[in-house]
Amino acid sequence: MKALVELITKKLVRHPEDVTVRVIESDKGQSLQLSVHPEDIGRVIGKNGRTAKAIRTVLGAAATKANANVSLQISG
């Protein structure tokens, strides 16, 4: 899941070297914390959150296939 989020995000941003994804395990599943360069936060979130929603949708489909529970948090 981490590699999927990194791949998608690095293709969207102008500073791909600043993309980091941390995985936090809990009893409810995984929580992915995506951090990008402050200039790129708008690109990742998108207009009205559409890009972020699309990333979460793809992540949710991959998590369903892997029978896992994953959430995504985005910060700049």
N, C-alpha and C. Protein backbone atom coordinates (compact mmCIF):
# COMPACT_ATOMS: atom_id res chain seq x y z
N MET A 1 0.82 -1.18 0.00
CA MET A 1 0.00 0.00 0.00
C MET A 1 0.87 1.26 0.00
N LYS A 2 1.95 1.21 0.77
CA LYS A 2 2.85 2.35 0.86
C LYS A 2 3.44 2.68 -0.50
N ALA A 3 3.89 1.66 -1.21
CA ALA A 3 4.49 1.87 -2.53
C ALA A 3 3.48 2.43 -3.53
N LEU A 4 2.24 2.01 -3.43
CA LEU A 4 1.19 2.51 -4.32
C LEU A 4 0.96 4.00 -4.12
N VAL A 5 0.85 4.43 -2.87
CA VAL A 5 0.64 5.85 -2.57
C VAL A 5 1.85 6.67 -3.02
N GLU A 6 3.06 6.16 -2.77
CA GLU A 6 4.27 6.87 -3.21
C GLU A 6 4.30 7.03 -4.72
N LEU A 7 4.00 5.97 -5.44
CA LEU A 7 4.03 6.01 -6.90
C LEU A 7 3.05 7.03 -7.46
N ILE A 8 1.82 7.00 -6.99
CA ILE A 8 0.80 7.93 -7.47
C ILE A 8 1.19 9.36 -7.15
N THR A 9 1.62 9.60 -5.92
CA THR A 9 1.92 10.96 -5.48
C THR A 9 3.14 11.53 -6.19
N LYS A 10 4.18 10.74 -6.38
CA LYS A 10 5.39 11.24 -7.03
C LYS A 10 5.13 11.66 -8.47
N LYS A 11 4.14 11.06 -9.12
CA LYS A 11 3.79 11.44 -10.49
C LYS A 11 3.02 12.76 -10.53
N LEU A 12 2.42 13.15 -9.42
CA LEU A 12 1.60 14.36 -9.38
C LEU A 12 2.37 15.63 -9.01
N VAL A 13 3.42 15.51 -8.22
CA VAL A 13 4.06 16.67 -7.60
C VAL A 13 5.27 17.17 -8.39
N ARG A 14 5.69 18.38 -8.06
CA ARG A 14 6.89 18.98 -8.68
C ARG A 14 8.15 18.64 -7.90
N HIS A 15 8.00 18.24 -6.65
CA HIS A 15 9.14 17.89 -5.79
C HIS A 15 9.01 16.44 -5.32
N PRO A 16 9.21 15.47 -6.22
CA PRO A 16 9.00 14.06 -5.83
C PRO A 16 9.98 13.58 -4.77
N GLU A 17 11.11 14.24 -4.63
CA GLU A 17 12.09 13.83 -3.63
C GLU A 17 11.60 14.12 -2.20
N ASP A 18 10.61 14.99 -2.06
CA ASP A 18 10.08 15.34 -0.74
C ASP A 18 8.86 14.51 -0.33
N VAL A 19 8.48 13.54 -1.15
CA VAL A 19 7.33 12.70 -0.83
C VAL A 19 7.77 11.61 0.14
N THR A 20 7.10 11.56 1.29
CA THR A 20 7.36 10.49 2.26
C THR A 20 6.04 9.91 2.73
N VAL A 21 6.04 8.61 2.95
CA VAL A 21 4.86 7.91 3.45
C VAL A 21 5.28 7.09 4.67
N ARG A 22 4.63 7.36 5.80
CA ARG A 22 4.88 6.60 7.01
C ARG A 22 3.70 5.66 7.25
N VAL A 23 4.01 4.46 7.66
CA VAL A 23 2.97 3.46 7.95
C VAL A 23 2.87 3.31 9.46
N ILE A 24 1.67 3.48 9.98
CA ILE A 24 1.42 3.31 11.40
C ILE A 24 0.42 2.16 11.55
N GLU A 25 0.86 1.12 12.22
CA GLU A 25 0.03 -0.06 12.45
C GLU A 25 -0.80 0.13 13.72
N SER A 26 -2.03 -0.30 13.68
CA SER A 26 -2.89 -0.27 14.87
C SER A 26 -3.78 -1.51 14.84
N ASP A 27 -4.58 -1.65 15.87
CA ASP A 27 -5.47 -2.80 15.92
C ASP A 27 -6.60 -2.69 14.89
N LYS A 28 -6.86 -1.48 14.40
CA LYS A 28 -7.90 -1.27 13.39
C LYS A 28 -7.38 -1.40 11.96
N GLY A 29 -6.08 -1.49 11.78
CA GLY A 29 -5.49 -1.60 10.45
C GLY A 29 -4.31 -0.66 10.30
N GLN A 30 -4.01 -0.30 9.08
CA GLN A 30 -2.89 0.59 8.79
C GLN A 30 -3.37 2.02 8.57
N SER A 31 -2.54 2.96 8.99
CA SER A 31 -2.78 4.36 8.71
C SER A 31 -1.54 4.86 7.97
N LEU A 32 -1.74 5.38 6.77
CA LEU A 32 -0.63 5.92 5.98
C LEU A 32 -0.62 7.43 6.12
N GLN A 33 0.53 7.99 6.48
CA GLN A 33 0.67 9.43 6.61
C GLN A 33 1.54 9.92 5.47
N LEU A 34 0.92 10.63 4.53
CA LEU A 34 1.59 11.16 3.35
C LEU A 34 2.03 12.58 3.62
N SER A 35 3.31 12.85 3.39
CA SER A 35 3.86 14.19 3.58
C SER A 35 4.50 14.62 2.26
N VAL A 36 4.17 15.84 1.82
CA VAL A 36 4.72 16.38 0.57
C VAL A 36 5.27 17.78 0.82
N HIS A 37 5.99 18.30 -0.15
CA HIS A 37 6.51 19.66 -0.10
C HIS A 37 5.33 20.62 0.01
N PRO A 38 5.46 21.70 0.80
CA PRO A 38 4.34 22.64 0.96
C PRO A 38 3.80 23.21 -0.35
N GLU A 39 4.64 23.37 -1.36
CA GLU A 39 4.17 23.87 -2.65
C GLU A 39 3.29 22.86 -3.38
N ASP A 40 3.42 21.59 -3.04
CA ASP A 40 2.71 20.53 -3.76
C ASP A 40 1.42 20.09 -3.09
N ILE A 41 1.11 20.63 -1.93
CA ILE A 41 -0.08 20.16 -1.20
C ILE A 41 -1.36 20.40 -2.01
N GLY A 42 -1.42 21.49 -2.73
CA GLY A 42 -2.60 21.76 -3.56
C GLY A 42 -2.75 20.78 -4.70
N ARG A 43 -1.64 20.34 -5.26
CA ARG A 43 -1.68 19.35 -6.34
C ARG A 43 -2.19 18.01 -5.83
N VAL A 44 -1.80 17.64 -4.62
CA VAL A 44 -2.20 16.34 -4.07
C VAL A 44 -3.66 16.36 -3.63
N ILE A 45 -4.09 17.46 -3.05
CA ILE A 45 -5.48 17.55 -2.60
C ILE A 45 -6.42 17.79 -3.78
N GLY A 46 -6.04 18.68 -4.68
CA GLY A 46 -6.85 18.95 -5.86
C GLY A 46 -8.02 19.87 -5.56
N LYS A 47 -8.70 20.28 -6.61
CA LYS A 47 -9.84 21.18 -6.47
C LYS A 47 -10.98 20.45 -5.77
N ASN A 48 -11.44 21.05 -4.68
CA ASN A 48 -12.50 20.47 -3.84
C ASN A 48 -12.16 19.07 -3.33
N GLY A 49 -10.87 18.75 -3.23
CA GLY A 49 -10.45 17.45 -2.70
C GLY A 49 -10.60 16.29 -3.65
N ARG A 50 -10.79 16.57 -4.92
CA ARG A 50 -11.05 15.49 -5.88
C ARG A 50 -9.85 14.55 -6.06
N THR A 51 -8.64 15.10 -6.12
CA THR A 51 -7.46 14.26 -6.31
C THR A 51 -7.23 13.39 -5.08
N ALA A 52 -7.35 13.97 -3.90
CA ALA A 52 -7.19 13.20 -2.66
C ALA A 52 -8.23 12.09 -2.58
N LYS A 53 -9.46 12.40 -2.97
CA LYS A 53 -10.52 11.39 -2.95
C LYS A 53 -10.21 10.27 -3.93
N ALA A 54 -9.67 10.60 -5.10
CA ALA A 54 -9.31 9.59 -6.08
C ALA A 54 -8.19 8.68 -5.56
N ILE A 55 -7.20 9.28 -4.90
CA ILE A 55 -6.11 8.48 -4.33
C ILE A 55 -6.67 7.55 -3.27
N ARG A 56 -7.56 8.05 -2.43
CA ARG A 56 -8.16 7.21 -1.39
C ARG A 56 -9.02 6.11 -1.99
N THR A 57 -9.67 6.38 -3.11
CA THR A 57 -10.49 5.36 -3.77
C THR A 57 -9.62 4.23 -4.30
N VAL A 58 -8.53 4.57 -4.96
CA VAL A 58 -7.59 3.55 -5.47
C VAL A 58 -7.00 2.76 -4.31
N LEU A 59 -6.62 3.47 -3.25
CA LEU A 59 -6.06 2.80 -2.07
C LEU A 59 -7.09 1.87 -1.43
N GLY A 60 -8.33 2.30 -1.38
CA GLY A 60 -9.39 1.46 -0.82
C GLY A 60 -9.62 0.21 -1.64
N ALA A 61 -9.56 0.34 -2.97
CA ALA A 61 -9.73 -0.83 -3.83
C ALA A 61 -8.58 -1.83 -3.62
N ALA A 62 -7.37 -1.32 -3.52
CA ALA A 62 -6.21 -2.19 -3.29
C ALA A 62 -6.30 -2.84 -1.91
N ALA A 63 -6.77 -2.10 -0.92
CA ALA A 63 -6.89 -2.64 0.43
C ALA A 63 -7.97 -3.72 0.48
N THR A 64 -9.06 -3.52 -0.23
CA THR A 64 -10.12 -4.52 -0.28
C THR A 64 -9.61 -5.81 -0.91
N LYS A 65 -8.84 -5.66 -1.96
CA LYS A 65 -8.28 -6.85 -2.63
C LYS A 65 -7.32 -7.59 -1.70
N ALA A 66 -6.57 -6.85 -0.88
CA ALA A 66 -5.62 -7.46 0.05
C ALA A 66 -6.27 -7.82 1.38
N ASN A 67 -7.59 -7.59 1.49
CA ASN A 67 -8.34 -7.88 2.71
C ASN A 67 -7.74 -7.13 3.91
N ALA A 68 -7.52 -5.82 3.73
CA ALA A 68 -6.92 -4.99 4.78
C ALA A 68 -7.77 -3.74 4.99
N ASN A 69 -7.50 -3.05 6.08
CA ASN A 69 -8.17 -1.79 6.40
C ASN A 69 -7.10 -0.70 6.43
N VAL A 70 -7.18 0.26 5.50
CA VAL A 70 -6.14 1.28 5.36
C VAL A 70 -6.79 2.66 5.28
N SER A 71 -6.19 3.64 5.97
CA SER A 71 -6.63 5.02 5.86
C SER A 71 -5.44 5.89 5.43
N LEU A 72 -5.74 7.06 4.86
CA LEU A 72 -4.70 7.96 4.36
C LEU A 72 -4.88 9.34 4.95
N GLN A 73 -3.79 9.89 5.49
CA GLN A 73 -3.76 11.26 5.99
C GLN A 73 -2.72 12.03 5.18
N ILE A 74 -3.06 13.26 4.76
CA ILE A 74 -2.19 14.06 3.92
C ILE A 74 -1.77 15.31 4.66
N SER A 75 -0.46 15.62 4.63
CA SER A 75 0.04 16.85 5.24
C SER A 75 1.11 17.47 4.36
N GLY A 76 1.31 18.76 4.55
CA GLY A 76 2.28 19.49 3.74
C GLY A 76 3.50 19.88 4.46
